[in-house]
């Protein structure tokens, strides 16, 4: 039978934090500003929050952040004459919110200094972070599943925010190998409530088999992705017409295809958990008639196309936004694919403990880095992508779970390396980012390379 969320976690901080945040929201029935990160997880988080505020009858305004932007956050809080909900960001800026004269609720899953013990905060600031109650924010709960759960605390009707919880979790790649921890508990609850349907399937999206494989980025198959002619020859050897839709394949044809693709991925040195993405369990969303990964891709694409608000409007049921995110997804996939093809052809720059490349696609660099370390690059060294323009340089850093197990912590690496050059950074052990002053890349890289070398050496010596 379906159950309520109160007993999902035994740690007392779980209920204490959620109840404090709920009391602030329900005690202030006025206009709220929702501040969120512009990636898939942030957009999905804002989607659940805006739907919940609409149910409460509260007017709300959603505002996106493009990265690690302390000054932008300060400006927003100072210019907001009312309460604020911050999702998928904010854990590093709690000091700013203490000075806001109105309630501030922060729902964030990122690492912060002193975790799992947040600093003392005034009563009008509520901070909810799964790290505080023993849940890993890197693998067991993202901002979108955290916000989804919070909206259920506000009103059980909000269980139907399930599509946006899963969308954000997939965007943060917490679905790889199947959902774990509290994420799994939430998916189980949503499945019991018929909001999610588990079913087998392939991570191939496209009108035809040829388009699905040639346009594939997750998995990215070396020698096939971005190469329609090569895909045609590959499918011919399997006796599959490239013009056929993926749904038309028989069980035997699907088996042969999966076996052939798995062989290619494994032969390219792709880690087993990434190979499994190809045909792991899928999550279908009946309310939308789409696979949860498709929804995630569309919201991610909206953010990367610099229209995160359209991604939120899509969740709120705006018909024109549905078409816009679909078209944005086409452009997003093409941009990521273009970047991966470039890396496949040209390679990257190497240092002793890291590898790095430049990406002209500022909003796609993180996705390109994440896909590249899984499917193209040396998996034994984290990768950094730099996007330089007329202002500060944006940095996206990605590792693998294996590297994290070996001691890599990109949160520490990005924060300390950025601070060394007058910037700021943070995130997760496996995925992080930074904003640094123009012209400081060389010093940032030297610092990051040294920090990563120490992290990897420390774990090796300890073992």
Foldseek 3Di string as FASTA:
>chain_A
DFDADPPQADFPVQCVLLVLLLCQPVVFQEEEEEEFELFLLGLLLVLLVCVLNVVVVYHYHYDYDDAPCQPVVLVVLVPDPEEYEYFQDDLAPLVSVLPRPAAYEYQHAFDYPPPPDRDDGDSSYGYDYVRVRPAHCLAAAGRNLSSLSSSCVNPVVSLLSVLSRLLSCVRSPNQQVHHDRSVVVSVVSCVVVVQKDKDKDFPFDDQWQLCRLCLDLQQPFPPRHVDSVSSCVVVVVLVHHRRHGPVPDDPVSVVVVLVVRLVRQVVLVFDPSSSCNGIDMWMAGVVVRGTSNVLSLLCRLCSLVVNNVLNSVVSVPDVVSVVVSVVSSVVLSVLLSVLLVCCQVPNFADDPAATEDEDCSVSNQQVNQANCCRRPDPLRHKYWYWHDDPWWIKIKIFHDVVLVVLQAAVQVLQQVLQVVQPWGWGGTSGIIIITHGPPCVVSSVVSSRVVSVVRNVVSVVVD
